[in-house]
Amino acid sequence: MNNNNDKLYLKAFNDGYILAKFNSHLINKLLESKIDSPYFDGLRDGNLEFVQQLKLSRLNELDKLDKDKSQNRDIER
């Protein structure tokens, strides 16, 4: 990639992340198109990054709840 494509990809990555966070319906509609360009590659990757972070966050929340629940059981015994 050249410098302009890198900047375009980075902007699109950030745009994709923000759209995924605040307007997931819109980003999903946009990504239904099969356009192959640095901008759409960035949108896809930004969306994917947000989804992966969201899943990781939820998993961490579940782990914390499980630990809290286990600690409460130990206290009751």
N, C-alpha and C. Protein backbone atom coordinates (compact mmCIF):
# COMPACT_ATOMS: atom_id res chain seq x y z
N MET A 1 0.84 -1.18 0.00
CA MET A 1 0.00 0.00 0.00
C MET A 1 0.88 1.24 0.00
N ASN A 2 0.39 2.26 -0.63
CA ASN A 2 1.12 3.52 -0.58
C ASN A 2 0.59 4.37 0.57
N ASN A 3 1.22 5.50 0.78
CA ASN A 3 0.89 6.35 1.91
C ASN A 3 -0.58 6.82 1.90
N ASN A 4 -1.09 7.19 0.74
CA ASN A 4 -2.49 7.63 0.65
C ASN A 4 -3.46 6.50 0.99
N ASN A 5 -3.16 5.30 0.49
CA ASN A 5 -4.00 4.15 0.80
C ASN A 5 -3.94 3.81 2.28
N ASP A 6 -2.75 3.96 2.89
CA ASP A 6 -2.62 3.70 4.32
C ASP A 6 -3.47 4.67 5.14
N LYS A 7 -3.44 5.93 4.77
CA LYS A 7 -4.24 6.93 5.48
C LYS A 7 -5.73 6.67 5.29
N LEU A 8 -6.11 6.32 4.07
CA LEU A 8 -7.50 6.02 3.78
C LEU A 8 -7.97 4.79 4.57
N TYR A 9 -7.13 3.76 4.59
CA TYR A 9 -7.46 2.55 5.34
C TYR A 9 -7.62 2.87 6.83
N LEU A 10 -6.71 3.64 7.39
CA LEU A 10 -6.77 3.98 8.81
C LEU A 10 -8.03 4.78 9.13
N LYS A 11 -8.36 5.74 8.28
CA LYS A 11 -9.59 6.52 8.49
C LYS A 11 -10.80 5.60 8.42
N ALA A 12 -10.83 4.71 7.45
CA ALA A 12 -11.96 3.79 7.29
C ALA A 12 -12.04 2.82 8.47
N PHE A 13 -10.89 2.36 8.97
CA PHE A 13 -10.87 1.48 10.13
C PHE A 13 -11.55 2.17 11.31
N ASN A 14 -11.16 3.41 11.56
CA ASN A 14 -11.77 4.17 12.66
C ASN A 14 -13.25 4.42 12.41
N ASP A 15 -13.61 4.74 11.16
CA ASP A 15 -15.02 4.93 10.81
C ASP A 15 -15.81 3.65 11.05
N GLY A 16 -15.24 2.53 10.64
CA GLY A 16 -15.91 1.24 10.81
C GLY A 16 -16.11 0.89 12.27
N TYR A 17 -15.11 1.18 13.08
CA TYR A 17 -15.20 0.92 14.52
C TYR A 17 -16.31 1.76 15.15
N ILE A 18 -16.32 3.04 14.82
CA ILE A 18 -17.32 3.95 15.38
C ILE A 18 -18.73 3.58 14.90
N LEU A 19 -18.85 3.27 13.62
CA LEU A 19 -20.17 2.86 13.10
C LEU A 19 -20.65 1.58 13.78
N ALA A 20 -19.74 0.64 13.98
CA ALA A 20 -20.12 -0.61 14.64
C ALA A 20 -20.58 -0.34 16.07
N LYS A 21 -19.96 0.61 16.71
CA LYS A 21 -20.31 0.93 18.10
C LYS A 21 -21.64 1.66 18.21
N PHE A 22 -21.89 2.60 17.31
CA PHE A 22 -23.04 3.46 17.46
C PHE A 22 -24.17 3.23 16.46
N ASN A 23 -23.88 2.53 15.36
CA ASN A 23 -24.92 2.29 14.35
C ASN A 23 -24.62 0.98 13.62
N SER A 24 -24.78 -0.12 14.34
CA SER A 24 -24.41 -1.42 13.78
C SER A 24 -25.25 -1.79 12.56
N HIS A 25 -26.49 -1.33 12.52
CA HIS A 25 -27.34 -1.63 11.37
C HIS A 25 -26.76 -1.01 10.09
N LEU A 26 -26.31 0.23 10.19
CA LEU A 26 -25.75 0.92 9.03
C LEU A 26 -24.46 0.25 8.55
N ILE A 27 -23.55 -0.06 9.47
CA ILE A 27 -22.29 -0.69 9.03
C ILE A 27 -22.56 -2.05 8.39
N ASN A 28 -23.52 -2.79 8.93
CA ASN A 28 -23.85 -4.09 8.33
C ASN A 28 -24.41 -3.93 6.92
N LYS A 29 -25.23 -2.92 6.72
CA LYS A 29 -25.76 -2.66 5.38
C LYS A 29 -24.64 -2.27 4.42
N LEU A 30 -23.74 -1.40 4.88
CA LEU A 30 -22.62 -0.99 4.04
C LEU A 30 -21.74 -2.17 3.66
N LEU A 31 -21.50 -3.05 4.61
CA LEU A 31 -20.59 -4.17 4.36
C LEU A 31 -21.22 -5.29 3.54
N GLU A 32 -22.52 -5.21 3.31
CA GLU A 32 -23.15 -6.18 2.42
C GLU A 32 -22.66 -6.01 0.99
N SER A 33 -22.25 -4.81 0.65
CA SER A 33 -21.70 -4.59 -0.70
C SER A 33 -20.33 -5.24 -0.78
N LYS A 34 -20.01 -5.74 -1.90
CA LYS A 34 -18.76 -6.48 -2.09
C LYS A 34 -17.70 -5.61 -2.78
N ILE A 35 -17.61 -4.38 -2.35
CA ILE A 35 -16.64 -3.46 -2.94
C ILE A 35 -15.25 -3.79 -2.41
N ASP A 36 -14.29 -3.82 -3.30
CA ASP A 36 -12.91 -4.12 -2.91
C ASP A 36 -12.08 -2.84 -3.06
N SER A 37 -11.87 -2.18 -1.95
CA SER A 37 -11.05 -0.96 -1.94
C SER A 37 -10.43 -0.83 -0.55
N PRO A 38 -9.37 -0.05 -0.43
CA PRO A 38 -8.76 0.14 0.89
C PRO A 38 -9.75 0.69 1.91
N TYR A 39 -10.66 1.56 1.46
CA TYR A 39 -11.63 2.12 2.40
C TYR A 39 -12.56 1.03 2.94
N PHE A 40 -13.10 0.20 2.06
CA PHE A 40 -14.00 -0.84 2.52
C PHE A 40 -13.26 -1.92 3.30
N ASP A 41 -12.00 -2.17 2.96
CA ASP A 41 -11.20 -3.09 3.77
C ASP A 41 -11.07 -2.55 5.20
N GLY A 42 -10.83 -1.25 5.32
CA GLY A 42 -10.73 -0.63 6.63
C GLY A 42 -12.04 -0.67 7.40
N LEU A 43 -13.14 -0.41 6.69
CA LEU A 43 -14.46 -0.49 7.34
C LEU A 43 -14.70 -1.89 7.90
N ARG A 44 -14.42 -2.90 7.08
CA ARG A 44 -14.61 -4.29 7.52
C ARG A 44 -13.75 -4.59 8.75
N ASP A 45 -12.49 -4.20 8.68
CA ASP A 45 -11.58 -4.51 9.77
C ASP A 45 -11.92 -3.74 11.05
N GLY A 46 -12.35 -2.49 10.91
CA GLY A 46 -12.78 -1.72 12.07
C GLY A 46 -14.01 -2.32 12.73
N ASN A 47 -14.95 -2.76 11.91
CA ASN A 47 -16.14 -3.44 12.42
C ASN A 47 -15.75 -4.72 13.14
N LEU A 48 -14.89 -5.50 12.52
CA LEU A 48 -14.45 -6.76 13.11
C LEU A 48 -13.74 -6.51 14.44
N GLU A 49 -12.91 -5.50 14.51
CA GLU A 49 -12.20 -5.17 15.75
C GLU A 49 -13.19 -4.84 16.86
N PHE A 50 -14.20 -4.04 16.56
CA PHE A 50 -15.19 -3.70 17.57
C PHE A 50 -15.92 -4.95 18.06
N VAL A 51 -16.34 -5.79 17.14
CA VAL A 51 -17.07 -7.00 17.50
C VAL A 51 -16.20 -7.90 18.38
N GLN A 52 -14.93 -8.04 18.03
CA GLN A 52 -14.03 -8.88 18.83
C GLN A 52 -13.83 -8.29 20.23
N GLN A 53 -13.66 -6.97 20.32
CA GLN A 53 -13.51 -6.34 21.62
C GLN A 53 -14.78 -6.45 22.45
N LEU A 54 -15.92 -6.35 21.81
CA LEU A 54 -17.19 -6.49 22.52
C LEU A 54 -17.32 -7.90 23.10
N LYS A 55 -16.98 -8.90 22.30
CA LYS A 55 -17.04 -10.28 22.78
C LYS A 55 -16.09 -10.50 23.94
N LEU A 56 -14.88 -9.97 23.83
CA LEU A 56 -13.90 -10.11 24.90
C LEU A 56 -14.38 -9.42 26.17
N SER A 57 -14.97 -8.25 26.02
CA SER A 57 -15.51 -7.52 27.17
C SER A 57 -16.60 -8.31 27.86
N ARG A 58 -17.49 -8.88 27.09
CA ARG A 58 -18.57 -9.69 27.67
C ARG A 58 -18.03 -10.93 28.36
N LEU A 59 -17.02 -11.55 27.75
CA LEU A 59 -16.41 -12.72 28.36
C LEU A 59 -15.76 -12.35 29.69
N ASN A 60 -15.09 -11.20 29.73
CA ASN A 60 -14.47 -10.75 30.98
C ASN A 60 -15.52 -10.47 32.04
N GLU A 61 -16.65 -9.89 31.65
CA GLU A 61 -17.74 -9.64 32.59
C GLU A 61 -18.28 -10.95 33.16
N LEU A 62 -18.45 -11.95 32.30
CA LEU A 62 -18.93 -13.25 32.77
C LEU A 62 -17.94 -13.89 33.72
N ASP A 63 -16.65 -13.80 33.41
CA ASP A 63 -15.62 -14.34 34.30
C ASP A 63 -15.67 -13.66 35.66
N LYS A 64 -15.83 -12.34 35.65
CA LYS A 64 -15.90 -11.60 36.91
C LYS A 64 -17.12 -12.01 37.72
N LEU A 65 -18.26 -12.14 37.06
CA LEU A 65 -19.47 -12.57 37.75
C LEU A 65 -19.30 -13.97 38.33
N ASP A 66 -18.66 -14.84 37.58
CA ASP A 66 -18.43 -16.20 38.05
C ASP A 66 -17.51 -16.20 39.27
N LYS A 67 -16.47 -15.39 39.25
CA LYS A 67 -15.55 -15.30 40.39
C LYS A 67 -16.27 -14.74 41.61
N ASP A 68 -17.07 -13.69 41.40
CA ASP A 68 -17.83 -13.10 42.50
C ASP A 68 -18.79 -14.12 43.09
N LYS A 69 -19.42 -14.89 42.25
CA LYS A 69 -20.37 -15.90 42.71
C LYS A 69 -19.64 -16.97 43.52
N SER A 70 -18.46 -17.37 43.06
CA SER A 70 -17.67 -18.38 43.77
C SER A 70 -17.23 -17.85 45.12
N GLN A 71 -16.82 -16.60 45.17
CA GLN A 71 -16.39 -16.00 46.44
C GLN A 71 -17.56 -15.93 47.43
N ASN A 72 -18.73 -15.60 46.94
CA ASN A 72 -19.90 -15.54 47.81
C ASN A 72 -20.24 -16.91 48.37
N ARG A 73 -20.07 -17.94 47.58
CA ARG A 73 -20.33 -19.30 48.06
C ARG A 73 -19.34 -19.66 49.15
N ASP A 74 -18.08 -19.31 48.97
CA ASP A 74 -17.05 -19.60 49.96
C ASP A 74 -17.32 -18.88 51.28
N ILE A 75 -17.81 -17.65 51.21
CA ILE A 75 -18.12 -16.88 52.41
C ILE A 75 -19.27 -17.52 53.18
N GLU A 76 -20.25 -18.03 52.47
CA GLU A 76 -21.43 -18.62 53.10
C GLU A 76 -21.09 -19.92 53.82
N ARG A 77 -20.05 -20.58 53.41
CA ARG A 77 -19.70 -21.87 54.01
C ARG A 77 -19.01 -21.69 55.29
